N, C-alpha and C. Protein backbone atom coordinates (compact mmCIF):
# COMPACT_ATOMS: atom_id res chain seq x y z
N MET A 1 5.31 -26.22 -5.19
CA MET A 1 5.08 -25.14 -4.24
C MET A 1 6.19 -24.10 -4.35
N GLU A 2 5.81 -22.86 -4.25
CA GLU A 2 6.76 -21.76 -4.38
C GLU A 2 7.70 -21.68 -3.18
N ALA A 3 8.97 -21.38 -3.44
CA ALA A 3 9.96 -21.25 -2.37
C ALA A 3 9.63 -20.03 -1.52
N LYS A 4 9.86 -20.17 -0.22
CA LYS A 4 9.51 -19.11 0.72
C LYS A 4 10.75 -18.63 1.48
N ALA A 5 10.65 -17.43 2.02
CA ALA A 5 11.70 -16.87 2.86
C ALA A 5 11.02 -16.24 4.07
N LYS A 6 11.63 -16.41 5.23
CA LYS A 6 11.06 -15.80 6.45
C LYS A 6 11.81 -14.52 6.74
N ILE A 7 11.07 -13.46 6.99
CA ILE A 7 11.72 -12.20 7.37
C ILE A 7 11.15 -11.76 8.72
N THR A 8 12.00 -11.12 9.49
CA THR A 8 11.62 -10.63 10.81
C THR A 8 11.82 -9.12 10.82
N PHE A 9 10.94 -8.43 11.50
CA PHE A 9 11.04 -6.98 11.58
C PHE A 9 10.50 -6.51 12.91
N VAL A 10 10.86 -5.31 13.30
CA VAL A 10 10.37 -4.73 14.55
C VAL A 10 9.47 -3.55 14.25
N LEU A 11 8.51 -3.32 15.16
CA LEU A 11 7.60 -2.21 14.98
C LEU A 11 7.04 -1.78 16.33
N PRO A 12 6.52 -0.55 16.38
CA PRO A 12 5.91 -0.07 17.63
C PRO A 12 4.65 -0.86 17.97
N ASN A 13 4.36 -0.97 19.27
CA ASN A 13 3.17 -1.70 19.74
C ASN A 13 1.90 -1.22 19.07
N THR A 14 1.72 0.10 18.96
CA THR A 14 0.48 0.64 18.39
C THR A 14 0.32 0.23 16.94
N LEU A 15 1.42 0.23 16.18
CA LEU A 15 1.35 -0.17 14.77
C LEU A 15 1.00 -1.65 14.65
N GLN A 16 1.57 -2.47 15.53
CA GLN A 16 1.26 -3.90 15.50
C GLN A 16 -0.24 -4.12 15.75
N LYS A 17 -0.76 -3.41 16.76
CA LYS A 17 -2.17 -3.54 17.11
C LYS A 17 -3.05 -3.09 15.94
N GLU A 18 -2.70 -1.95 15.34
CA GLU A 18 -3.50 -1.43 14.21
C GLU A 18 -3.51 -2.37 13.02
N PHE A 19 -2.33 -2.90 12.66
CA PHE A 19 -2.32 -3.73 11.45
C PHE A 19 -2.98 -5.08 11.70
N ARG A 20 -2.90 -5.59 12.92
CA ARG A 20 -3.60 -6.84 13.23
C ARG A 20 -5.11 -6.65 13.15
N GLU A 21 -5.60 -5.50 13.63
CA GLU A 21 -7.04 -5.20 13.54
C GLU A 21 -7.46 -5.06 12.07
N GLN A 22 -6.62 -4.40 11.28
CA GLN A 22 -6.95 -4.17 9.86
C GLN A 22 -6.97 -5.48 9.08
N ILE A 23 -6.07 -6.40 9.40
CA ILE A 23 -6.04 -7.70 8.72
C ILE A 23 -7.39 -8.39 8.89
N VAL A 24 -7.90 -8.36 10.11
CA VAL A 24 -9.20 -8.98 10.39
C VAL A 24 -10.31 -8.24 9.64
N LYS A 25 -10.28 -6.89 9.69
CA LYS A 25 -11.29 -6.09 8.98
C LYS A 25 -11.29 -6.39 7.48
N ASP A 26 -10.08 -6.62 6.94
CA ASP A 26 -9.96 -6.90 5.51
C ASP A 26 -10.34 -8.34 5.16
N GLY A 27 -10.73 -9.12 6.16
CA GLY A 27 -11.21 -10.47 5.90
C GLY A 27 -10.13 -11.53 5.86
N TYR A 28 -8.94 -11.21 6.35
CA TYR A 28 -7.87 -12.21 6.42
C TYR A 28 -7.87 -12.78 7.84
N ASP A 29 -7.51 -14.04 7.99
CA ASP A 29 -7.32 -14.56 9.35
C ASP A 29 -5.87 -14.29 9.74
N MET A 30 -5.48 -14.64 10.94
CA MET A 30 -4.10 -14.33 11.35
C MET A 30 -3.08 -15.09 10.51
N ARG A 31 -3.49 -16.21 9.93
CA ARG A 31 -2.56 -16.90 9.02
C ARG A 31 -2.40 -16.11 7.73
N GLY A 32 -3.35 -15.25 7.47
CA GLY A 32 -3.28 -14.41 6.27
C GLY A 32 -2.40 -13.19 6.46
N LYS A 33 -1.81 -13.06 7.65
CA LYS A 33 -0.95 -11.91 7.96
C LYS A 33 0.18 -11.79 6.93
N SER A 34 0.83 -12.89 6.63
CA SER A 34 1.94 -12.85 5.66
C SER A 34 1.46 -12.38 4.30
N ARG A 35 0.29 -12.87 3.89
CA ARG A 35 -0.25 -12.46 2.58
C ARG A 35 -0.59 -10.98 2.58
N TRP A 36 -1.24 -10.51 3.66
CA TRP A 36 -1.61 -9.09 3.77
C TRP A 36 -0.37 -8.21 3.71
N ILE A 37 0.66 -8.58 4.45
CA ILE A 37 1.89 -7.78 4.46
C ILE A 37 2.60 -7.88 3.11
N SER A 38 2.65 -9.07 2.53
CA SER A 38 3.28 -9.23 1.20
C SER A 38 2.61 -8.33 0.17
N GLU A 39 1.28 -8.31 0.15
CA GLU A 39 0.55 -7.46 -0.79
C GLU A 39 0.90 -6.00 -0.54
N GLY A 40 1.00 -5.62 0.73
CA GLY A 40 1.36 -4.25 1.08
C GLY A 40 2.75 -3.88 0.60
N ILE A 41 3.69 -4.82 0.74
CA ILE A 41 5.08 -4.57 0.30
C ILE A 41 5.13 -4.37 -1.21
N VAL A 42 4.45 -5.24 -1.94
CA VAL A 42 4.45 -5.13 -3.41
C VAL A 42 3.90 -3.77 -3.84
N THR A 43 2.75 -3.40 -3.30
CA THR A 43 2.13 -2.11 -3.63
C THR A 43 3.07 -0.96 -3.27
N PHE A 44 3.66 -1.04 -2.09
CA PHE A 44 4.55 0.02 -1.62
C PHE A 44 5.78 0.17 -2.52
N LEU A 45 6.41 -0.94 -2.89
CA LEU A 45 7.63 -0.86 -3.69
C LEU A 45 7.37 -0.43 -5.13
N GLU A 46 6.09 -0.39 -5.52
CA GLU A 46 5.75 0.13 -6.85
C GLU A 46 5.64 1.66 -6.83
N MET A 47 5.65 2.25 -5.64
CA MET A 47 5.59 3.71 -5.53
C MET A 47 6.95 4.30 -5.89
N ARG A 48 6.95 5.41 -6.61
CA ARG A 48 8.22 6.01 -7.03
C ARG A 48 9.03 6.53 -5.86
N ASN A 49 8.36 7.03 -4.83
CA ASN A 49 9.08 7.68 -3.74
C ASN A 49 9.32 6.76 -2.53
N TYR A 50 9.30 5.43 -2.74
CA TYR A 50 9.46 4.54 -1.59
C TYR A 50 10.76 4.75 -0.82
N PRO A 51 11.93 5.06 -1.48
CA PRO A 51 13.14 5.27 -0.66
C PRO A 51 12.97 6.41 0.34
N GLU A 52 12.36 7.49 -0.10
CA GLU A 52 12.14 8.65 0.76
C GLU A 52 11.20 8.31 1.92
N LEU A 53 10.14 7.53 1.63
CA LEU A 53 9.18 7.15 2.66
C LEU A 53 9.82 6.24 3.71
N VAL A 54 10.69 5.33 3.28
CA VAL A 54 11.40 4.48 4.24
C VAL A 54 12.30 5.34 5.12
N HIS A 55 12.97 6.29 4.50
CA HIS A 55 13.84 7.20 5.25
C HIS A 55 13.04 7.95 6.31
N LEU A 56 11.89 8.48 5.92
CA LEU A 56 11.04 9.22 6.85
C LEU A 56 10.50 8.33 7.98
N SER A 57 10.12 7.11 7.63
CA SER A 57 9.53 6.22 8.64
C SER A 57 10.59 5.74 9.62
N ASN A 58 11.84 5.92 9.26
CA ASN A 58 12.92 5.48 10.14
C ASN A 58 12.96 6.32 11.42
N GLN A 59 12.21 7.42 11.43
CA GLN A 59 12.16 8.27 12.61
C GLN A 59 11.13 7.77 13.63
N MET A 60 10.41 6.69 13.29
CA MET A 60 9.48 6.07 14.26
C MET A 60 10.27 5.63 15.47
N LYS A 61 9.63 5.64 16.61
CA LYS A 61 10.31 5.22 17.84
C LYS A 61 9.52 4.12 18.53
N GLY A 62 10.17 3.48 19.49
CA GLY A 62 9.48 2.50 20.33
C GLY A 62 9.22 1.18 19.66
N PHE A 63 10.24 0.59 19.07
CA PHE A 63 10.07 -0.70 18.40
C PHE A 63 10.05 -1.82 19.43
N GLY A 64 8.89 -1.99 20.07
CA GLY A 64 8.78 -2.97 21.14
C GLY A 64 8.36 -4.34 20.69
N LYS A 65 7.84 -4.46 19.48
CA LYS A 65 7.28 -5.73 19.04
C LYS A 65 8.06 -6.30 17.87
N MET A 66 8.29 -7.61 17.93
CA MET A 66 8.95 -8.29 16.83
C MET A 66 7.91 -9.16 16.13
N GLU A 67 7.93 -9.13 14.82
CA GLU A 67 7.00 -9.92 14.01
C GLU A 67 7.81 -10.67 12.97
N SER A 68 7.27 -11.79 12.53
CA SER A 68 7.86 -12.53 11.42
C SER A 68 6.77 -12.82 10.40
N VAL A 69 7.15 -12.79 9.14
CA VAL A 69 6.22 -13.19 8.09
C VAL A 69 6.98 -14.06 7.10
N VAL A 70 6.23 -14.85 6.38
CA VAL A 70 6.81 -15.69 5.34
C VAL A 70 6.40 -15.10 4.00
N ILE A 71 7.40 -14.83 3.16
CA ILE A 71 7.14 -14.23 1.85
C ILE A 71 7.75 -15.13 0.77
N THR A 72 7.37 -14.89 -0.46
CA THR A 72 7.94 -15.68 -1.56
C THR A 72 9.39 -15.26 -1.79
N ARG A 73 10.16 -16.15 -2.35
CA ARG A 73 11.56 -15.83 -2.69
C ARG A 73 11.62 -14.67 -3.68
N ASP A 74 10.66 -14.63 -4.60
CA ASP A 74 10.63 -13.53 -5.57
C ASP A 74 10.44 -12.19 -4.88
N LEU A 75 9.55 -12.15 -3.90
CA LEU A 75 9.34 -10.91 -3.17
C LEU A 75 10.59 -10.56 -2.36
N LYS A 76 11.26 -11.56 -1.81
CA LYS A 76 12.50 -11.32 -1.06
C LYS A 76 13.55 -10.69 -1.98
N LYS A 77 13.66 -11.18 -3.21
CA LYS A 77 14.62 -10.60 -4.18
C LYS A 77 14.23 -9.16 -4.50
N PHE A 78 12.94 -8.93 -4.69
CA PHE A 78 12.41 -7.59 -4.97
C PHE A 78 12.79 -6.66 -3.82
N MET A 79 12.62 -7.14 -2.58
CA MET A 79 12.99 -6.34 -1.40
C MET A 79 14.50 -6.11 -1.32
N ASP A 80 15.28 -7.14 -1.62
CA ASP A 80 16.74 -6.99 -1.57
C ASP A 80 17.19 -5.91 -2.55
N ASN A 81 16.58 -5.89 -3.73
CA ASN A 81 16.91 -4.84 -4.71
C ASN A 81 16.49 -3.47 -4.20
N ALA A 82 15.34 -3.41 -3.51
CA ALA A 82 14.87 -2.15 -2.95
C ALA A 82 15.82 -1.66 -1.86
N VAL A 83 16.35 -2.58 -1.06
CA VAL A 83 17.32 -2.22 -0.01
C VAL A 83 18.53 -1.54 -0.65
N ILE A 84 19.02 -2.12 -1.75
CA ILE A 84 20.18 -1.55 -2.46
C ILE A 84 19.84 -0.15 -2.97
N GLU A 85 18.65 -0.01 -3.55
CA GLU A 85 18.20 1.28 -4.08
C GLU A 85 18.13 2.33 -2.96
N ILE A 86 17.56 1.95 -1.84
CA ILE A 86 17.42 2.88 -0.71
C ILE A 86 18.80 3.28 -0.18
N ARG A 87 19.71 2.33 -0.09
CA ARG A 87 21.06 2.61 0.41
C ARG A 87 21.83 3.56 -0.52
N LYS A 88 21.50 3.55 -1.81
CA LYS A 88 22.12 4.50 -2.74
C LYS A 88 21.77 5.93 -2.33
N HIS A 89 20.51 6.12 -1.91
CA HIS A 89 20.03 7.45 -1.52
C HIS A 89 20.40 7.80 -0.08
N TYR A 90 20.36 6.80 0.80
CA TYR A 90 20.57 7.02 2.24
C TYR A 90 21.55 5.97 2.77
N PRO A 91 22.85 6.14 2.47
CA PRO A 91 23.83 5.11 2.83
C PRO A 91 23.94 4.80 4.32
N ALA A 92 23.60 5.75 5.18
CA ALA A 92 23.76 5.54 6.62
C ALA A 92 22.52 4.92 7.28
N LEU A 93 21.46 4.72 6.51
CA LEU A 93 20.21 4.21 7.06
C LEU A 93 20.39 2.78 7.58
N GLU A 94 19.94 2.55 8.81
CA GLU A 94 20.03 1.22 9.43
C GLU A 94 18.70 0.49 9.31
N GLY A 95 18.75 -0.83 9.36
CA GLY A 95 17.53 -1.63 9.39
C GLY A 95 16.60 -1.37 8.22
N VAL A 96 17.16 -1.36 7.02
CA VAL A 96 16.38 -0.99 5.83
C VAL A 96 15.26 -1.99 5.54
N GLN A 97 15.53 -3.28 5.66
CA GLN A 97 14.49 -4.27 5.37
C GLN A 97 13.31 -4.11 6.33
N SER A 98 13.60 -3.96 7.61
CA SER A 98 12.56 -3.70 8.61
C SER A 98 11.79 -2.43 8.25
N GLY A 99 12.53 -1.41 7.82
CA GLY A 99 11.94 -0.14 7.43
C GLY A 99 10.98 -0.28 6.27
N ILE A 100 11.34 -1.12 5.30
CA ILE A 100 10.47 -1.36 4.15
C ILE A 100 9.15 -1.98 4.63
N VAL A 101 9.25 -3.00 5.47
CA VAL A 101 8.04 -3.69 5.93
C VAL A 101 7.17 -2.75 6.75
N ARG A 102 7.79 -2.02 7.69
CA ARG A 102 7.02 -1.06 8.52
C ARG A 102 6.32 -0.02 7.67
N THR A 103 7.05 0.56 6.72
CA THR A 103 6.48 1.60 5.88
C THR A 103 5.37 1.06 5.00
N ALA A 104 5.56 -0.15 4.50
CA ALA A 104 4.52 -0.79 3.68
C ALA A 104 3.24 -1.00 4.50
N ILE A 105 3.40 -1.40 5.76
CA ILE A 105 2.24 -1.59 6.64
C ILE A 105 1.53 -0.24 6.85
N VAL A 106 2.31 0.78 7.17
CA VAL A 106 1.73 2.12 7.40
C VAL A 106 0.99 2.58 6.15
N GLN A 107 1.61 2.43 4.98
CA GLN A 107 0.98 2.86 3.73
C GLN A 107 -0.32 2.11 3.47
N ARG A 108 -0.31 0.81 3.75
CA ARG A 108 -1.53 0.02 3.53
C ARG A 108 -2.62 0.46 4.51
N LEU A 109 -2.25 0.74 5.75
CA LEU A 109 -3.23 1.22 6.73
C LEU A 109 -3.82 2.57 6.30
N LEU A 110 -2.97 3.44 5.77
CA LEU A 110 -3.43 4.77 5.32
C LEU A 110 -4.42 4.65 4.17
N ARG A 111 -4.28 3.62 3.36
CA ARG A 111 -5.12 3.46 2.18
C ARG A 111 -6.39 2.64 2.47
N SER A 112 -6.52 2.11 3.68
CA SER A 112 -7.69 1.25 3.92
C SER A 112 -8.86 2.03 4.50
């Protein structure tokens, strides 16, 4: 079995509601939430302008909801490298990992 890592992130109530509805629409059950988000992160981090998008999404407000997902260790490493890349461009940016997950969710919702 593949090694897993748990990550926690915060997001606005409306975004949480939207992505939970979309997971069901896409045919995933709530246990599939981690898979849906993982797929979104992979797709998002393949975009050339992901550092800029994370920076822009950092202006979201009202992070009332906390979520956790379980991802593969490989994806966690991929995200850790992305955090380093984003910090090169935006050294003062806070909560970069949370920002990656939030932005990936938004991008996946925009494409569905």
